[in-house]
Protein backbone atom coordinates (compact mmCIF):
# COMPACT_ATOMS: atom_id res chain seq x y z
CA UNK A 1 66.12 39.51 -38.77
CA UNK A 2 63.59 42.10 -37.90
CA UNK A 3 65.03 45.64 -37.63
CA UNK A 4 61.84 47.78 -38.14
CA UNK A 5 63.34 49.43 -41.73
CA UNK A 6 61.52 46.85 -43.98
CA UNK A 7 58.04 48.20 -45.58
CA UNK A 8 55.12 47.45 -43.59
CA UNK A 9 52.49 45.85 -45.18
CA UNK A 10 48.85 44.91 -43.92
CA UNK A 11 45.54 44.13 -45.25
CA UNK A 12 43.71 47.45 -45.48
CA UNK A 13 40.75 47.50 -43.13
CA UNK A 14 37.29 47.17 -44.51
CA UNK A 15 36.22 50.55 -43.73
CA UNK A 16 37.58 53.87 -42.45
CA UNK A 17 37.74 53.15 -38.44
CA UNK A 18 39.38 56.47 -37.32
CA UNK A 19 37.53 59.52 -37.37
CA UNK A 20 36.87 62.90 -35.46
CA UNK A 21 40.50 63.45 -34.71
CA UNK A 22 40.87 66.65 -32.71
CA UNK A 23 43.79 68.27 -30.87
CA UNK A 24 43.93 68.03 -26.98
CA UNK A 25 45.43 70.70 -24.94
CA UNK A 26 47.87 69.68 -22.00
CA UNK A 27 48.33 72.87 -19.93
CA UNK A 28 50.72 73.95 -17.12
CA UNK A 29 54.28 73.37 -16.84
CA UNK A 30 54.22 69.83 -18.72
CA UNK A 31 57.79 68.11 -19.06
CA UNK A 32 57.21 67.96 -22.86
CA UNK A 33 60.94 68.08 -23.27
CA UNK A 34 61.37 64.85 -21.48
CA UNK A 35 59.71 62.91 -24.44
CA UNK A 36 56.05 61.95 -23.36
CA UNK A 37 55.71 58.32 -23.85
CA UNK A 38 53.19 57.07 -21.25
CA UNK A 39 49.61 58.00 -20.44
CA UNK A 40 46.48 56.70 -18.42
CA UNK A 41 43.01 58.45 -17.99
CA UNK A 42 41.47 57.85 -14.64
CA UNK A 43 38.09 59.39 -14.24
CA UNK A 44 38.57 63.40 -14.42
CA UNK A 45 42.44 62.71 -14.05
CA UNK A 46 45.37 61.87 -16.65
CA UNK A 47 48.66 60.80 -15.74
CA UNK A 48 51.60 61.51 -17.90
CA UNK A 49 55.03 59.99 -17.91
CA UNK A 50 58.35 60.65 -20.12
CA UNK A 51 61.11 58.42 -20.97
CA UNK A 52 63.85 60.84 -20.48
CA UNK A 53 62.81 61.93 -16.94
CA UNK A 54 61.76 60.52 -13.71
CA UNK A 55 58.38 62.51 -12.80
CA UNK A 56 54.76 61.41 -12.94
CA UNK A 57 52.45 64.49 -14.03
CA UNK A 58 48.90 64.41 -12.88
CA UNK A 59 46.48 66.60 -14.95
CA UNK A 60 42.82 67.31 -14.19
CA UNK A 61 40.25 67.72 -16.85
CA UNK A 62 39.15 71.27 -17.32
CA UNK A 63 36.97 71.16 -20.39
CA UNK A 64 36.34 67.41 -21.16
CA UNK A 65 37.72 66.05 -23.19
CA UNK A 66 39.76 68.66 -24.91
CA UNK A 67 41.63 70.55 -22.11
CA UNK A 68 43.53 69.00 -19.13
CA UNK A 69 45.45 71.15 -16.57
CA UNK A 70 48.46 70.14 -14.57
CA UNK A 71 47.87 69.56 -10.81
CA UNK A 72 50.97 68.16 -9.48
CA UNK A 73 54.07 66.03 -10.21
CA UNK A 74 55.43 62.86 -8.23
CA UNK A 75 59.39 62.23 -8.45
CA UNK A 76 60.43 58.59 -8.72
CA UNK A 77 63.99 59.51 -8.53
CA UNK A 78 66.50 62.19 -7.87
CA UNK A 79 66.64 65.21 -10.32
CA UNK A 80 69.95 63.94 -12.01
CA UNK A 81 68.42 60.30 -12.55
CA UNK A 82 66.17 58.99 -15.20
CA UNK A 83 63.61 56.28 -14.70
CA UNK A 84 62.52 55.67 -18.37
CA UNK A 85 58.77 55.80 -17.94
CA UNK A 86 57.33 54.06 -21.03
CA UNK A 87 53.75 53.30 -19.94
CA UNK A 88 51.07 53.83 -17.40
CA UNK A 89 47.89 51.94 -16.70
CA UNK A 90 45.57 51.67 -13.57
CA UNK A 91 43.63 49.09 -11.91
CA UNK A 92 42.09 48.27 -8.46
CA UNK A 93 42.98 51.62 -7.09
CA UNK A 94 46.63 51.48 -8.25
CA UNK A 95 48.58 53.23 -10.95
CA UNK A 96 51.18 51.12 -12.43
CA UNK A 97 54.20 52.66 -14.12
CA UNK A 98 56.54 50.63 -16.60
CA UNK A 99 60.36 51.17 -16.88
CA UNK A 100 61.59 50.00 -20.26
CA UNK A 101 64.04 47.42 -18.79
CA UNK A 102 66.30 48.08 -21.57
CA UNK A 103 70.03 48.68 -22.56
CA UNK A 104 71.02 51.59 -24.67
CA UNK A 105 73.67 52.31 -26.87
CA UNK A 106 75.31 55.78 -26.82
CA UNK A 107 74.24 58.33 -29.56
CA UNK A 108 76.68 59.61 -32.11
CA UNK A 109 77.67 63.28 -31.90
CA UNK A 110 78.35 65.12 -35.21
CA UNK A 111 80.49 67.62 -33.10
CA UNK A 112 82.81 64.92 -32.06
CA UNK A 113 85.94 63.17 -34.12
CA UNK A 114 85.32 59.89 -35.89
CA UNK A 115 87.46 58.03 -33.45
CA UNK A 116 85.38 59.47 -30.55
CA UNK A 117 82.14 58.44 -32.26
CA UNK A 118 83.59 55.07 -32.69
CA UNK A 119 84.04 54.81 -29.08
CA UNK A 120 80.77 55.88 -28.35
CA UNK A 121 79.37 53.38 -30.76
CA UNK A 122 81.17 50.82 -28.46
CA UNK A 123 79.53 51.97 -25.18
CA UNK A 124 76.34 50.54 -23.75
CA UNK A 125 74.37 51.69 -20.92
CA UNK A 126 72.56 49.67 -18.27
CA UNK A 127 70.48 51.72 -15.86
CA UNK A 128 69.12 50.07 -12.88
CA UNK A 129 66.42 52.62 -12.57
CA UNK A 130 64.89 51.70 -16.18
CA UNK A 131 64.05 48.32 -14.62
CA UNK A 132 61.47 49.03 -12.14
CA UNK A 133 57.64 48.43 -12.46
CA UNK A 134 56.00 50.96 -10.20
CA UNK A 135 52.79 50.32 -8.24
CA UNK A 136 51.27 53.62 -6.80
CA UNK A 137 48.22 54.17 -4.68
CA UNK A 138 45.96 56.50 -6.49
CA UNK A 139 42.52 58.15 -5.69
CA UNK A 140 40.59 58.39 -8.68
CA UNK A 141 38.20 61.04 -7.13
CA UNK A 142 40.96 63.52 -5.85
CA UNK A 143 43.73 62.60 -7.95
CA UNK A 144 45.87 62.11 -4.89
CA UNK A 145 48.92 59.73 -5.19
CA UNK A 146 49.92 57.69 -1.90
CA UNK A 147 52.17 54.92 -1.15
CA UNK A 148 54.46 53.54 -3.84
CA UNK A 149 56.51 50.20 -4.36
CA UNK A 150 58.48 48.57 -7.32
CA UNK A 151 59.52 45.33 -8.72
CA UNK A 152 62.54 44.70 -11.00
CA UNK A 153 61.67 42.15 -13.83
CA UNK A 154 65.24 41.59 -14.88
CA UNK A 155 65.67 38.31 -13.23
CA UNK A 156 62.58 36.89 -14.94
CA UNK A 157 63.67 38.25 -18.41
CA UNK A 158 67.25 36.55 -17.76
CA UNK A 159 65.85 33.33 -16.99
CA UNK A 160 62.95 33.04 -19.71
CA UNK A 161 64.04 30.69 -22.40
CA UNK A 162 63.03 32.96 -25.30
CA UNK A 163 63.70 36.46 -23.85
CA UNK A 164 66.93 35.90 -22.15
CA UNK A 165 68.74 36.09 -25.44
CA UNK A 166 67.75 39.61 -26.06
CA UNK A 167 68.67 41.02 -22.43
CA UNK A 168 71.90 43.16 -22.96
CA UNK A 169 71.13 43.85 -26.62
CA UNK A 170 70.50 47.69 -26.83
CA UNK A 171 66.73 48.97 -27.35
CA UNK A 172 66.03 50.00 -30.90
CA UNK A 173 68.33 47.18 -32.10
CA UNK A 174 65.87 44.40 -31.18
CA UNK A 175 67.01 44.20 -27.68
CA UNK A 176 64.34 44.14 -24.69
CA UNK A 177 62.25 47.27 -24.52
CA UNK A 178 59.02 47.14 -22.78
CA UNK A 179 57.08 49.99 -23.99
CA UNK A 180 53.18 48.98 -23.33
CA UNK A 181 51.08 48.46 -20.38
CA UNK A 182 47.47 47.58 -19.63
CA UNK A 183 45.51 46.23 -16.85
CA UNK A 184 42.51 43.46 -17.57
CA UNK A 185 41.04 40.79 -15.50
CA UNK A 186 43.23 41.41 -12.65
CA UNK A 187 46.33 40.98 -14.91
CA UNK A 188 49.03 43.35 -16.21
CA UNK A 189 49.77 43.12 -19.92
CA UNK A 190 53.32 44.15 -20.70
CA UNK A 191 53.76 44.89 -24.48
CA UNK A 192 57.30 44.70 -26.13
CA UNK A 193 58.62 47.04 -28.59
CA UNK A 194 61.50 44.75 -28.83
CA UNK A 195 62.43 41.84 -29.54
CA UNK A 196 60.33 41.08 -32.64
CA UNK A 197 60.82 37.46 -33.43
CA UNK A 198 61.21 35.29 -36.57
CA UNK A 199 57.76 35.62 -38.33
CA UNK A 200 56.96 38.78 -36.61
CA UNK A 201 55.90 37.53 -33.40
CA UNK A 202 55.84 40.34 -30.64
CA UNK A 203 55.89 39.15 -26.85
CA UNK A 204 53.32 40.36 -24.48
CA UNK A 205 54.00 39.38 -20.84
CA UNK A 206 50.92 38.74 -18.64
CA UNK A 207 51.68 38.68 -14.87
CA UNK A 208 50.28 39.40 -11.38
CA UNK A 209 52.36 42.35 -9.72
CA UNK A 210 52.34 40.46 -6.37
CA UNK A 211 53.42 37.09 -8.02
CA UNK A 212 55.72 38.12 -11.07
CA UNK A 213 57.27 34.77 -11.25
CA UNK A 214 53.90 33.27 -12.27
CA UNK A 215 54.00 35.20 -15.87
CA UNK A 216 52.80 34.02 -19.03
CA UNK A 217 54.07 35.06 -22.42
CA UNK A 218 51.78 35.54 -25.33
CA UNK A 219 52.71 36.54 -29.03
CA UNK A 220 50.82 38.63 -31.38
CA UNK A 221 51.77 39.46 -35.06
CA UNK A 222 52.08 43.04 -36.10
CA UNK A 223 53.33 42.97 -39.42
CA UNK A 224 56.76 43.29 -38.21
CA UNK A 225 56.32 46.24 -35.91
CA UNK A 226 56.73 46.29 -32.08
CA UNK A 227 54.38 47.55 -29.35
CA UNK A 228 54.43 51.38 -28.55
CA UNK A 229 51.46 50.74 -26.20
CA UNK A 230 48.27 49.13 -25.48
CA UNK A 231 44.91 49.72 -23.52
CA UNK A 232 42.28 47.14 -22.47
CA UNK A 233 38.92 47.51 -23.61
CA UNK A 234 35.82 45.71 -22.36
CA UNK A 235 36.48 42.96 -24.90
CA UNK A 236 40.19 42.72 -26.11
CA UNK A 237 42.83 45.30 -26.49
CA UNK A 238 43.90 48.23 -28.78
CA UNK A 239 47.62 48.00 -29.57
CA UNK A 240 49.70 51.12 -30.98
CA UNK A 241 52.47 49.84 -33.07
CA UNK A 242 55.63 51.22 -34.45
CA UNK A 243 59.14 50.55 -35.52
CA UNK A 244 61.44 48.68 -33.39
CA UNK A 245 64.21 51.14 -34.34
CA UNK A 246 64.29 54.93 -34.78
CA UNK A 247 62.42 54.95 -38.23
CA UNK A 248 59.98 57.77 -38.30
CA UNK A 249 56.94 55.57 -38.68
CA UNK A 250 54.49 54.35 -39.58
CA UNK A 251 52.44 54.14 -36.26
CA UNK A 252 49.25 51.87 -36.61
CA UNK A 253 46.36 50.95 -34.28
CA UNK A 254 45.22 47.46 -34.19
CA UNK A 255 42.54 45.48 -32.19
CA UNK A 256 43.82 42.17 -30.58
CA UNK A 257 41.60 39.52 -28.67
CA UNK A 258 44.28 38.94 -26.47
CA UNK A 259 44.88 35.50 -26.99
CA UNK A 260 48.16 33.71 -28.04
CA UNK A 261 49.02 33.54 -31.96
CA UNK A 262 51.36 30.85 -31.85
CA UNK A 263 49.84 28.39 -34.27
CA UNK A 264 49.56 24.57 -34.12
CA UNK A 265 47.43 21.79 -35.24
CA UNK A 266 45.60 21.91 -31.79
CA UNK A 267 44.65 25.61 -32.19
CA UNK A 268 42.86 28.08 -34.23
CA UNK A 269 44.53 31.46 -34.40
CA UNK A 270 42.49 34.71 -34.93
CA UNK A 271 44.81 37.25 -36.27
CA UNK A 272 45.03 41.10 -35.15
CA UNK A 273 42.69 43.35 -36.82
CA UNK A 274 44.23 46.17 -38.41
CA UNK A 275 42.10 49.54 -37.56
CA UNK A 276 44.35 51.99 -39.37
CA UNK A 277 47.37 54.20 -39.38
CA UNK A 278 47.71 57.09 -36.75
CA UNK A 279 48.61 60.44 -38.03
CA UNK A 280 52.11 62.16 -37.01
CA UNK A 281 51.70 65.65 -37.07
CA UNK A 282 55.03 67.59 -38.08
CA UNK A 283 56.89 64.32 -37.67
CA UNK A 284 56.02 63.77 -34.16
CA UNK A 285 56.13 60.03 -33.10
CA UNK A 286 52.86 58.52 -31.49
CA UNK A 287 54.06 57.02 -28.11
CA UNK A 288 51.03 56.38 -25.84
CA UNK A 289 47.51 55.53 -25.73
CA UNK A 290 44.71 56.52 -23.14
CA UNK A 291 41.23 55.41 -23.06
CA UNK A 292 38.79 58.40 -22.61
CA UNK A 293 35.30 56.21 -23.07
CA UNK A 294 34.22 53.00 -24.76
CA UNK A 295 30.97 51.46 -25.78
CA UNK A 296 30.16 48.17 -27.50
CA UNK A 297 30.96 49.48 -30.99
CA UNK A 298 33.29 52.46 -30.45
CA UNK A 299 35.91 53.85 -28.30
CA UNK A 300 37.39 57.46 -27.91
CA UNK A 301 41.04 57.27 -27.37
CA UNK A 302 44.00 59.88 -26.61
CA UNK A 303 47.06 59.53 -28.13
CA UNK A 304 50.36 61.22 -27.08
CA UNK A 305 53.51 62.18 -29.10
CA UNK A 306 56.94 62.38 -28.39
CA UNK A 307 58.23 65.74 -29.11
CA UNK A 308 61.13 68.14 -27.67
CA UNK A 309 58.84 71.16 -27.58
CA UNK A 310 55.22 71.33 -26.54
CA UNK A 311 53.18 68.74 -25.16
CA UNK A 312 51.24 67.20 -28.03
CA UNK A 313 47.99 65.25 -27.93
CA UNK A 314 44.97 64.36 -29.87
CA UNK A 315 41.77 62.43 -29.35
CA UNK A 316 40.12 60.23 -32.08
CA UNK A 317 37.22 58.04 -32.42
CA UNK A 318 37.64 54.30 -33.17
CA UNK A 319 35.01 52.19 -34.91
CA UNK A 320 35.25 48.74 -33.23
CA UNK A 321 32.09 47.49 -35.11
CA UNK A 322 32.53 43.62 -36.17
CA UNK A 323 35.89 43.62 -34.64
CA UNK A 324 35.05 42.64 -31.14
CA UNK A 325 33.27 39.21 -30.76
CA UNK A 326 29.76 39.34 -29.59
């Protein structure tokens, strides 16, 4: 069984592909204590979400690309509720916001008795607000949010012949946990942190928001890790991977051509290409990817980190030479 604790092994990249790592300032009343986990860059604006909160935060570029300032927030639920925002993407004039669709086991508390903690260990929470995929109108010139809508993918997950067995298992214990979201060619790509299946296959669900029943599952191998986020490029996708459970790392960048990696005599499988490990300053966990710019040979990306104090982000250049097909 994959649990995220086994040593991660991979073939080292043929050259150093990550460079020019620089801090990015996220200014204003950012809800950093809500564990930032989702980010998307749309023109001069940046949207943030946290997996412990319920608000979208819209920032504007102040001094590109190193400083962003908070403009406004949008609540997706009441103040005492949590939507578990895990990932954001943008396409066709809409922001898409991904809830994890996960269950959660209660955390143990050292100040409680052993018996009380054993009781907590038996408690698994299901919060319906986590089971939402939002579509929100967004003006990329003014940074204004408009009408919103949402769908629930629980029924699709419960009916899927592979994924249904993982519904109800807590996240971080190889249960359903959707943490990546990208938009490409009119489709949403939903990346799963869990489950990771035998032989290290990670599900990626492709769907049209308007017709979620017509989804397709593809699988990618990431050396035993799950997907923390993904972002679409002109060709293929960048994936940020990390442990399925609460292990502190490592966190790794990959390039994937987007094709299914399930093997067979009637298919040639192209492996995902390792780009390299992502630094984790002060033990912070890399959680989200945003695309700042791209060309045929490289991309500049934003990485946000989960911390309980100040908002933390870096930008870095990624060399894509000889990775993407011509």
